[in-house]
């Protein structure tokens, strides 16, 4: 029973991590944050003018955009502002999105 519970919890953790990765498929290629700010020099806290146009709305390049269930960060926020690369689809067998 204990081993089964560990396997289930590990599986749930992996699924949560995969679901936490934003899906930017279908969006026009940027640059968004990269077109407005030097690499790693995006805005701290909440700054409404720290943004970029995307489709018919606005995406943000400030730390406040990274909120649980309210994410409105630009597609290149993680790579450009934080220096974090999102995993390739190949890493998950093409089933990431």
PDB file of N, CA and C in Angstrom:
ATOM      1  N   UNK A   1       0.822  -1.195   0.000  1.00  0.00           N
ATOM      2  CA  UNK A   1       0.000   0.000   0.000  1.00  0.00           C
ATOM      3  C   UNK A   1       0.868   1.262   0.000  1.00  0.00           C
ATOM      4  N   UNK A   2       1.927   1.274   0.816  1.00  0.00           N
ATOM      5  CA  UNK A   2       2.795   2.447   0.895  1.00  0.00           C
ATOM      6  C   UNK A   2       3.471   2.759  -0.426  1.00  0.00           C
ATOM      7  N   UNK A   3       3.952   1.725  -1.117  1.00  0.00           N
ATOM      8  CA  UNK A   3       4.613   1.927  -2.405  1.00  0.00           C
ATOM      9  C   UNK A   3       3.624   2.437  -3.448  1.00  0.00           C
ATOM     10  N   UNK A   4       2.412   1.915  -3.430  1.00  0.00           N
ATOM     11  CA  UNK A   4       1.382   2.375  -4.375  1.00  0.00           C
ATOM     12  C   UNK A   4       1.078   3.846  -4.164  1.00  0.00           C
ATOM     13  N   UNK A   5       1.001   4.262  -2.918  1.00  0.00           N
ATOM     14  CA  UNK A   5       0.718   5.659  -2.607  1.00  0.00           C
ATOM     15  C   UNK A   5       1.848   6.561  -3.110  1.00  0.00           C
ATOM     16  N   UNK A   6       3.080   6.128  -2.940  1.00  0.00           N
ATOM     17  CA  UNK A   6       4.224   6.905  -3.418  1.00  0.00           C
ATOM     18  C   UNK A   6       4.187   7.038  -4.936  1.00  0.00           C
ATOM     19  N   UNK A   7       3.882   5.954  -5.632  1.00  0.00           N
ATOM     20  CA  UNK A   7       3.808   5.979  -7.096  1.00  0.00           C
ATOM     21  C   UNK A   7       2.709   6.931  -7.552  1.00  0.00           C
ATOM     22  N   UNK A   8       1.567   6.888  -6.906  1.00  0.00           N
ATOM     23  CA  UNK A   8       0.448   7.772  -7.268  1.00  0.00           C
ATOM     24  C   UNK A   8       0.821   9.228  -7.029  1.00  0.00           C
ATOM     25  N   UNK A   9       1.424   9.528  -5.884  1.00  0.00           N
ATOM     26  CA  UNK A   9       1.800  10.907  -5.579  1.00  0.00           C
ATOM     27  C   UNK A   9       2.860  11.431  -6.544  1.00  0.00           C
ATOM     28  N   UNK A  10       3.818  10.600  -6.909  1.00  0.00           N
ATOM     29  CA  UNK A  10       4.841  11.020  -7.878  1.00  0.00           C
ATOM     30  C   UNK A  10       4.209  11.302  -9.240  1.00  0.00           C
ATOM     31  N   UNK A  11       3.278  10.457  -9.646  1.00  0.00           N
ATOM     32  CA  UNK A  11       2.583  10.663 -10.920  1.00  0.00           C
ATOM     33  C   UNK A  11       1.795  11.955 -10.922  1.00  0.00           C
ATOM     34  N   UNK A  12       1.127  12.253  -9.814  1.00  0.00           N
ATOM     35  CA  UNK A  12       0.357  13.496  -9.717  1.00  0.00           C
ATOM     36  C   UNK A  12       1.280  14.712  -9.756  1.00  0.00           C
ATOM     37  N   UNK A  13       2.423  14.601  -9.112  1.00  0.00           N
ATOM     38  CA  UNK A  13       3.385  15.707  -9.136  1.00  0.00           C
ATOM     39  C   UNK A  13       3.894  15.976 -10.536  1.00  0.00           C
ATOM     40  N   UNK A  14       4.161  14.918 -11.303  1.00  0.00           N
ATOM     41  CA  UNK A  14       4.634  15.086 -12.673  1.00  0.00           C
ATOM     42  C   UNK A  14       3.557  15.737 -13.531  1.00  0.00           C
ATOM     43  N   UNK A  15       2.317  15.298 -13.390  1.00  0.00           N
ATOM     44  CA  UNK A  15       1.226  15.888 -14.171  1.00  0.00           C
ATOM     45  C   UNK A  15       1.028  17.350 -13.822  1.00  0.00           C
ATOM     46  N   UNK A  16       1.148  17.692 -12.551  1.00  0.00           N
ATOM     47  CA  UNK A  16       1.019  19.083 -12.137  1.00  0.00           C
ATOM     48  C   UNK A  16       2.118  19.928 -12.763  1.00  0.00           C
ATOM     49  N   UNK A  17       3.333  19.422 -12.782  1.00  0.00           N
ATOM     50  CA  UNK A  17       4.443  20.168 -13.376  1.00  0.00           C
ATOM     51  C   UNK A  17       4.218  20.385 -14.864  1.00  0.00           C
ATOM     52  N   UNK A  18       3.733  19.383 -15.572  1.00  0.00           N
ATOM     53  CA  UNK A  18       3.468  19.516 -17.002  1.00  0.00           C
ATOM     54  C   UNK A  18       2.339  20.505 -17.238  1.00  0.00           C
ATOM     55  N   UNK A  19       1.290  20.463 -16.427  1.00  0.00           N
ATOM     56  CA  UNK A  19       0.174  21.385 -16.595  1.00  0.00           C
ATOM     57  C   UNK A  19       0.555  22.818 -16.260  1.00  0.00           C
ATOM     58  N   UNK A  20       1.600  23.027 -15.466  1.00  0.00           N
ATOM     59  CA  UNK A  20       2.016  24.367 -15.085  1.00  0.00           C
ATOM     60  C   UNK A  20       2.776  25.074 -16.203  1.00  0.00           C
ATOM     61  N   UNK A  21       3.209  24.340 -17.201  1.00  0.00           N
ATOM     62  CA  UNK A  21       3.933  24.939 -18.313  1.00  0.00           C
ATOM     63  C   UNK A  21       2.930  25.602 -19.246  1.00  0.00           C
ATOM     64  N   UNK A  22       3.061  26.911 -19.474  1.00  0.00           N
ATOM     65  CA  UNK A  22       2.099  27.609 -20.326  1.00  0.00           C
ATOM     66  C   UNK A  22       2.105  27.073 -21.750  1.00  0.00           C
ATOM     67  N   UNK A  23       0.956  27.116 -22.385  1.00  0.00           N
ATOM     68  CA  UNK A  23       0.819  26.677 -23.773  1.00  0.00           C
ATOM     69  C   UNK A  23       0.733  27.910 -24.664  1.00  0.00           C
ATOM     70  N   UNK A  24       1.802  28.202 -25.369  1.00  0.00           N
ATOM     71  CA  UNK A  24       1.841  29.369 -26.240  1.00  0.00           C
ATOM     72  C   UNK A  24       1.687  28.994 -27.705  1.00  0.00           C
ATOM     73  N   UNK A  25       1.273  27.768 -27.978  1.00  0.00           N
ATOM     74  CA  UNK A  25       1.109  27.368 -29.371  1.00  0.00           C
ATOM     75  C   UNK A  25       0.005  28.202 -30.013  1.00  0.00           C
ATOM     76  N   UNK A  26       0.180  28.522 -31.253  1.00  0.00           N
ATOM     77  CA  UNK A  26      -0.822  29.289 -31.974  1.00  0.00           C
ATOM     78  C   UNK A  26      -0.653  30.796 -31.866  1.00  0.00           C
ATOM     79  N   UNK A  27       0.275  31.264 -31.043  1.00  0.00           N
ATOM     80  CA  UNK A  27       0.497  32.705 -30.927  1.00  0.00           C
ATOM     81  C   UNK A  27       1.523  33.147 -31.962  1.00  0.00           C
ATOM     82  N   UNK A  28       1.405  34.389 -32.436  1.00  0.00           N
ATOM     83  CA  UNK A  28       2.397  34.884 -33.380  1.00  0.00           C
ATOM     84  C   UNK A  28       3.781  34.929 -32.730  1.00  0.00           C
ATOM     85  N   UNK A  29       4.800  34.697 -33.536  1.00  0.00           N
ATOM     86  CA  UNK A  29       6.167  34.752 -33.016  1.00  0.00           C
ATOM     87  C   UNK A  29       6.456  36.150 -32.491  1.00  0.00           C
ATOM     88  N   UNK A  30       7.184  36.234 -31.404  1.00  0.00           N
ATOM     89  CA  UNK A  30       7.520  37.521 -30.793  1.00  0.00           C
ATOM     90  C   UNK A  30       8.506  38.282 -31.661  1.00  0.00           C
ATOM     91  N   UNK A  31       9.291  39.128 -31.099  1.00  0.00           N
ATOM     92  CA  UNK A  31       9.554  39.229 -29.673  1.00  0.00           C
ATOM     93  C   UNK A  31       8.506  40.079 -28.958  1.00  0.00           C
ATOM     94  N   UNK A  32       8.304  39.750 -27.709  1.00  0.00           N
ATOM     95  CA  UNK A  32       7.397  40.515 -26.859  1.00  0.00           C
ATOM     96  C   UNK A  32       8.245  41.278 -25.845  1.00  0.00           C
ATOM     97  N   UNK A  33       8.622  40.640 -24.743  1.00  0.00           N
ATOM     98  CA  UNK A  33       9.507  41.286 -23.763  1.00  0.00           C
ATOM     99  C   UNK A  33      10.860  41.603 -24.391  1.00  0.00           C
ATOM    100  N   UNK A  34      11.358  40.702 -25.216  1.00  0.00           N
ATOM    101  CA  UNK A  34      12.677  40.879 -25.842  1.00  0.00           C
ATOM    102  C   UNK A  34      12.715  42.108 -26.745  1.00  0.00           C
ATOM    103  N   UNK A  35      11.583  42.517 -27.257  1.00  0.00           N
ATOM    104  CA  UNK A  35      11.530  43.684 -28.110  1.00  0.00           C
ATOM    105  C   UNK A  35      11.518  44.995 -27.343  1.00  0.00           C
ATOM    106  N   UNK A  36      11.307  44.932 -26.036  1.00  0.00           N
ATOM    107  CA  UNK A  36      11.193  46.153 -25.238  1.00  0.00           C
ATOM    108  C   UNK A  36      12.238  46.299 -24.145  1.00  0.00           C
ATOM    109  N   UNK A  37      12.789  45.183 -23.669  1.00  0.00           N
ATOM    110  CA  UNK A  37      13.684  45.232 -22.511  1.00  0.00           C
ATOM    111  C   UNK A  37      14.958  44.438 -22.775  1.00  0.00           C
ATOM    112  N   UNK A  38      16.071  44.888 -22.194  1.00  0.00           N
ATOM    113  CA  UNK A  38      17.322  44.134 -22.289  1.00  0.00           C
ATOM    114  C   UNK A  38      17.156  42.797 -21.586  1.00  0.00           C
ATOM    115  N   UNK A  39      17.903  41.802 -22.034  1.00  0.00           N
ATOM    116  CA  UNK A  39      17.807  40.459 -21.464  1.00  0.00           C
ATOM    117  C   UNK A  39      18.034  40.478 -19.957  1.00  0.00           C
ATOM    118  N   UNK A  40      17.116  39.873 -19.236  1.00  0.00           N
ATOM    119  CA  UNK A  40      17.204  39.805 -17.787  1.00  0.00           C
ATOM    120  C   UNK A  40      16.874  41.106 -17.086  1.00  0.00           C
ATOM    121  N   UNK A  41      16.442  42.100 -17.821  1.00  0.00           N
ATOM    122  CA  UNK A  41      16.181  43.427 -17.256  1.00  0.00           C
ATOM    123  C   UNK A  41      14.709  43.802 -17.336  1.00  0.00           C
ATOM    124  N   UNK A  42      13.838  42.861 -17.153  1.00  0.00           N
ATOM    125  CA  UNK A  42      12.414  43.168 -17.153  1.00  0.00           C
ATOM    126  C   UNK A  42      12.057  43.828 -15.828  1.00  0.00           C
ATOM    127  N   UNK A  43      10.808  44.075 -15.580  1.00  0.00           N
ATOM    128  CA  UNK A  43      10.391  44.887 -14.439  1.00  0.00           C
ATOM    129  C   UNK A  43      10.103  44.060 -13.188  1.00  0.00           C
ATOM    130  N   UNK A  44      10.431  44.624 -12.045  1.00  0.00           N
ATOM    131  CA  UNK A  44      10.120  43.969 -10.774  1.00  0.00           C
ATOM    132  C   UNK A  44       8.747  44.431 -10.293  1.00  0.00           C
ATOM    133  N   UNK A  45       8.143  43.622  -9.434  1.00  0.00           N
ATOM    134  CA  UNK A  45       6.846  43.982  -8.872  1.00  0.00           C
ATOM    135  C   UNK A  45       5.772  44.079  -9.939  1.00  0.00           C
ATOM    136  N   UNK A  46       4.824  44.999  -9.714  1.00  0.00           N
ATOM    137  CA  UNK A  46       3.742  45.221 -10.680  1.00  0.00           C
ATOM    138  C   UNK A  46       3.925  46.591 -11.323  1.00  0.00           C
ATOM    139  N   UNK A  47       4.077  46.571 -12.628  1.00  0.00           N
ATOM    140  CA  UNK A  47       4.214  47.807 -13.385  1.00  0.00           C
ATOM    141  C   UNK A  47       3.406  47.652 -14.668  1.00  0.00           C
ATOM    142  N   UNK A  48       2.258  48.294 -14.714  1.00  0.00           N
ATOM    143  CA  UNK A  48       1.346  48.126 -15.841  1.00  0.00           C
ATOM    144  C   UNK A  48       1.948  48.553 -17.176  1.00  0.00           C
ATOM    145  N   UNK A  49       2.903  49.474 -17.151  1.00  0.00           N
ATOM    146  CA  UNK A  49       3.511  49.899 -18.411  1.00  0.00           C
ATOM    147  C   UNK A  49       4.638  48.962 -18.854  1.00  0.00           C
ATOM    148  N   UNK A  50       4.906  47.941 -18.085  1.00  0.00           N
ATOM    149  CA  UNK A  50       5.913  46.935 -18.436  1.00  0.00           C
ATOM    150  C   UNK A  50       5.203  45.823 -19.204  1.00  0.00           C
ATOM    151  N   UNK A  51       4.842  46.135 -20.436  1.00  0.00           N
ATOM    152  CA  UNK A  51       3.974  45.244 -21.206  1.00  0.00           C
ATOM    153  C   UNK A  51       4.329  45.298 -22.684  1.00  0.00           C
ATOM    154  N   UNK A  52       3.673  44.434 -23.425  1.00  0.00           N
ATOM    155  CA  UNK A  52       3.849  44.390 -24.878  1.00  0.00           C
ATOM    156  C   UNK A  52       2.513  44.001 -25.507  1.00  0.00           C
ATOM    157  N   UNK A  53       2.216  44.489 -26.698  1.00  0.00           N
ATOM    158  CA  UNK A  53       0.978  44.089 -27.367  1.00  0.00           C
ATOM    159  C   UNK A  53       1.068  42.652 -27.868  1.00  0.00           C
ATOM    160  N   UNK A  54      -0.047  41.940 -27.748  1.00  0.00           N
ATOM    161  CA  UNK A  54      -0.135  40.571 -28.255  1.00  0.00           C
ATOM    162  C   UNK A  54      -1.575  40.342 -28.707  1.00  0.00           C
ATOM    163  N   UNK A  55      -1.740  39.976 -29.962  1.00  0.00           N
ATOM    164  CA  UNK A  55      -3.069  39.832 -30.568  1.00  0.00           C
ATOM    165  C   UNK A  55      -3.864  41.093 -30.299  1.00  0.00           C
ATOM    166  N   UNK A  56      -5.024  41.002 -29.682  1.00  0.00           N
ATOM    167  CA  UNK A  56      -5.841  42.192 -29.428  1.00  0.00           C
ATOM    168  C   UNK A  56      -5.806  42.593 -27.957  1.00  0.00           C
ATOM    169  N   UNK A  57      -4.752  42.192 -27.240  1.00  0.00           N
ATOM    170  CA  UNK A  57      -4.663  42.491 -25.814  1.00  0.00           C
ATOM    171  C   UNK A  57      -3.221  42.835 -25.446  1.00  0.00           C
ATOM    172  N   UNK A  58      -2.885  42.686 -24.189  1.00  0.00           N
ATOM    173  CA  UNK A  58      -1.564  43.025 -23.681  1.00  0.00           C
ATOM    174  C   UNK A  58      -1.017  41.872 -22.858  1.00  0.00           C
ATOM    175  N   UNK A  59       0.255  41.595 -23.007  1.00  0.00           N
ATOM    176  CA  UNK A  59       0.928  40.647 -22.114  1.00  0.00           C
ATOM    177  C   UNK A  59       1.962  41.441 -21.322  1.00  0.00           C
ATOM    178  N   UNK A  60       2.414  40.867 -20.214  1.00  0.00           N
ATOM    179  CA  UNK A  60       3.260  41.617 -19.287  1.00  0.00           C
ATOM    180  C   UNK A  60       4.641  41.003 -19.109  1.00  0.00           C
ATOM    181  N   UNK A  61       5.578  41.871 -18.779  1.00  0.00           N
ATOM    182  CA  UNK A  61       6.980  41.489 -18.588  1.00  0.00           C
ATOM    183  C   UNK A  61       7.442  41.832 -17.172  1.00  0.00           C
ATOM    184  N   UNK A  62       6.511  41.929 -16.229  1.00  0.00           N
ATOM    185  CA  UNK A  62       6.864  42.218 -14.838  1.00  0.00           C
ATOM    186  C   UNK A  62       6.653  40.977 -13.972  1.00  0.00           C
ATOM    187  N   UNK A  63       7.210  40.987 -12.779  1.00  0.00           N
ATOM    188  CA  UNK A  63       7.105  39.826 -11.891  1.00  0.00           C
ATOM    189  C   UNK A  63       5.665  39.513 -11.502  1.00  0.00           C
ATOM    190  N   UNK A  64       4.788  40.501 -11.508  1.00  0.00           N
ATOM    191  CA  UNK A  64       3.402  40.306 -11.096  1.00  0.00           C
ATOM    192  C   UNK A  64       2.623  39.424 -12.065  1.00  0.00           C
ATOM    193  N   UNK A  65       3.092  39.326 -13.303  1.00  0.00           N
ATOM    194  CA  UNK A  65       2.352  38.512 -14.276  1.00  0.00           C
ATOM    195  C   UNK A  65       2.356  37.036 -13.897  1.00  0.00           C
ATOM    196  N   UNK A  66       3.303  36.611 -13.092  1.00  0.00           N
ATOM    197  CA  UNK A  66       3.429  35.212 -12.694  1.00  0.00           C
ATOM    198  C   UNK A  66       2.634  34.956 -11.414  1.00  0.00           C
ATOM    199  N   UNK A  67       1.314  34.879 -11.551  1.00  0.00           N
ATOM    200  CA  UNK A  67       0.431  34.605 -10.413  1.00  0.00           C
ATOM    201  C   UNK A  67      -0.319  33.314 -10.687  1.00  0.00           C
ATOM    202  N   UNK A  68      -0.648  32.605  -9.658  1.00  0.00           N
ATOM    203  CA  UNK A  68      -1.389  31.355  -9.800  1.00  0.00           C
ATOM    204  C   UNK A  68      -2.747  31.622 -10.434  1.00  0.00           C
ATOM    205  N   UNK A  69      -3.046  30.899 -11.498  1.00  0.00           N
ATOM    206  CA  UNK A  69      -4.319  30.943 -12.224  1.00  0.00           C
ATOM    207  C   UNK A  69      -4.637  32.302 -12.825  1.00  0.00           C
ATOM    208  N   UNK A  70      -3.719  33.242 -12.808  1.00  0.00           N
ATOM    209  CA  UNK A  70      -3.954  34.564 -13.388  1.00  0.00           C
ATOM    210  C   UNK A  70      -2.799  34.972 -14.289  1.00  0.00           C
ATOM    211  N   UNK A  71      -2.112  33.985 -14.825  1.00  0.00           N
ATOM    212  CA  UNK A  71      -0.898  34.290 -15.572  1.00  0.00           C
ATOM    213  C   UNK A  71      -1.207  35.063 -16.848  1.00  0.00           C
ATOM    214  N   UNK A  72      -0.593  36.216 -16.990  1.00  0.00           N
ATOM    215  CA  UNK A  72      -0.728  36.999 -18.217  1.00  0.00           C
ATOM    216  C   UNK A  72       0.646  37.472 -18.694  1.00  0.00           C
ATOM    217  N   UNK A  73       1.646  36.622 -18.434  1.00  0.00           N
ATOM    218  CA  UNK A  73       3.007  36.916 -18.887  1.00  0.00           C
ATOM    219  C   UNK A  73       3.095  36.765 -20.405  1.00  0.00           C
ATOM    220  N   UNK A  74       3.993  37.521 -21.001  1.00  0.00           N
ATOM    221  CA  UNK A  74       4.272  37.359 -22.425  1.00  0.00           C
ATOM    222  C   UNK A  74       4.907  35.987 -22.668  1.00  0.00           C
ATOM    223  N   UNK A  75       4.750  35.451 -23.872  1.00  0.00           N
ATOM    224  CA  UNK A  75       5.321  34.137 -24.164  1.00  0.00           C
ATOM    225  C   UNK A  75       6.826  34.040 -23.930  1.00  0.00           C
ATOM    226  N   UNK A  76       7.546  35.138 -24.103  1.00  0.00           N
ATOM    227  CA  UNK A  76       8.998  35.077 -23.894  1.00  0.00           C
ATOM    228  C   UNK A  76       9.429  35.575 -22.510  1.00  0.00           C
ATOM    229  N   UNK A  77       8.476  35.744 -21.590  1.00  0.00           N
ATOM    230  CA  UNK A  77       8.795  36.213 -20.232  1.00  0.00           C
ATOM    231  C   UNK A  77       9.808  35.303 -19.547  1.00  0.00           C
ATOM    232  N   UNK A  78       9.537  34.000 -19.532  1.00  0.00           N
ATOM    233  CA  UNK A  78      10.408  33.067 -18.805  1.00  0.00           C
ATOM    234  C   UNK A  78      11.799  33.000 -19.425  1.00  0.00           C
ATOM    235  N   UNK A  79      11.864  32.919 -20.739  1.00  0.00           N
ATOM    236  CA  UNK A  79      13.175  32.798 -21.381  1.00  0.00           C
ATOM    237  C   UNK A  79      13.932  34.123 -21.374  1.00  0.00           C
ATOM    238  N   UNK A  80      13.256  35.217 -21.672  1.00  0.00           N
ATOM    239  CA  UNK A  80      13.944  36.501 -21.790  1.00  0.00           C
ATOM    240  C   UNK A  80      14.176  37.177 -20.435  1.00  0.00           C
ATOM    241  N   UNK A  81      13.150  37.251 -19.617  1.00  0.00           N
ATOM    242  CA  UNK A  81      13.259  37.983 -18.350  1.00  0.00           C
ATOM    243  C   UNK A  81      13.920  37.170 -17.242  1.00  0.00           C
ATOM    244  N   UNK A  82      13.653  35.884 -17.208  1.00  0.00           N
ATOM    245  CA  UNK A  82      14.152  35.049 -16.112  1.00  0.00           C
ATOM    246  C   UNK A  82      15.276  34.108 -16.523  1.00  0.00           C
ATOM    247  N   UNK A  83      15.534  33.986 -17.820  1.00  0.00           N
ATOM    248  CA  UNK A  83      16.601  33.110 -18.291  1.00  0.00           C
ATOM    249  C   UNK A  83      16.294  31.633 -18.127  1.00  0.00           C
ATOM    250  N   UNK A  84      15.002  31.282 -18.085  1.00  0.00           N
ATOM    251  CA  UNK A  84      14.572  29.889 -17.918  1.00  0.00           C
ATOM    252  C   UNK A  84      14.040  29.386 -19.244  1.00  0.00           C
ATOM    253  N   UNK A  85      14.603  28.307 -19.735  1.00  0.00           N
ATOM    254  CA  UNK A  85      14.139  27.721 -20.990  1.00  0.00           C
ATOM    255  C   UNK A  85      13.020  26.732 -20.717  1.00  0.00           C
ATOM    256  N   UNK A  86      11.958  26.815 -21.504  1.00  0.00           N
ATOM    257  CA  UNK A  86      10.887  25.830 -21.405  1.00  0.00           C
ATOM    258  C   UNK A  86      11.345  24.561 -22.094  1.00  0.00           C
ATOM    259  N   UNK A  87      10.915  23.391 -21.598  1.00  0.00           N
ATOM    260  CA  UNK A  87      11.345  22.136 -22.224  1.00  0.00           C
ATOM    261  C   UNK A  87      10.797  22.011 -23.637  1.00  0.00           C
ATOM    262  N   UNK A  88      11.555  21.323 -24.480  1.00  0.00           N
ATOM    263  CA  UNK A  88      11.106  21.050 -25.838  1.00  0.00           C
ATOM    264  C   UNK A  88       9.993  20.022 -25.802  1.00  0.00           C
ATOM    265  N   UNK A  89       9.126  20.050 -26.812  1.00  0.00           N
ATOM    266  CA  UNK A  89       8.072  19.042 -26.928  1.00  0.00           C
ATOM    267  C   UNK A  89       8.662  17.641 -26.990  1.00  0.00           C
ATOM    268  N   UNK A  90       9.844  17.512 -27.617  1.00  0.00           N
ATOM    269  CA  UNK A  90      10.463  16.198 -27.763  1.00  0.00           C
ATOM    270  C   UNK A  90      10.768  15.558 -26.419  1.00  0.00           C
ATOM    271  N   UNK A  91      11.018  16.379 -25.404  1.00  0.00           N
ATOM    272  CA  UNK A  91      11.317  15.857 -24.076  1.00  0.00           C
ATOM    273  C   UNK A  91      10.167  15.017 -23.544  1.00  0.00           C
ATOM    274  N   UNK A  92       8.945  15.379 -23.908  1.00  0.00           N
ATOM    275  CA  UNK A  92       7.761  14.670 -23.443  1.00  0.00           C
ATOM    276  C   UNK A  92       7.104  13.875 -24.562  1.00  0.00           C
ATOM    277  N   UNK A  93       7.841  13.528 -25.572  1.00  0.00           N
ATOM    278  CA  UNK A  93       7.298  12.733 -26.664  1.00  0.00           C
ATOM    279  C   UNK A  93       6.326  13.494 -27.536  1.00  0.00           C
ATOM    280  N   UNK A  94       6.427  14.811 -27.584  1.00  0.00           N
ATOM    281  CA  UNK A  94       5.548  15.616 -28.429  1.00  0.00           C
ATOM    282  C   UNK A  94       4.165  15.823 -27.852  1.00  0.00           C
ATOM    283  N   UNK A  95       3.936  15.412 -26.616  1.00  0.00           N
ATOM    284  CA  UNK A  95       2.609  15.520 -26.004  1.00  0.00           C
ATOM    285  C   UNK A  95       2.515  16.647 -25.002  1.00  0.00           C
ATOM    286  N   UNK A  96       3.441  17.585 -25.032  1.00  0.00           N
ATOM    287  CA  UNK A  96       3.445  18.661 -24.061  1.00  0.00           C
ATOM    288  C   UNK A  96       2.256  19.580 -24.244  1.00  0.00           C
ATOM    289  N   UNK A  97       1.905  19.854 -25.459  1.00  0.00           N
ATOM    290  CA  UNK A  97       0.813  20.804 -25.705  1.00  0.00           C
ATOM    291  C   UNK A  97      -0.408  20.085 -26.116  1.00  0.00           C
TER     292      UNK A  97
END
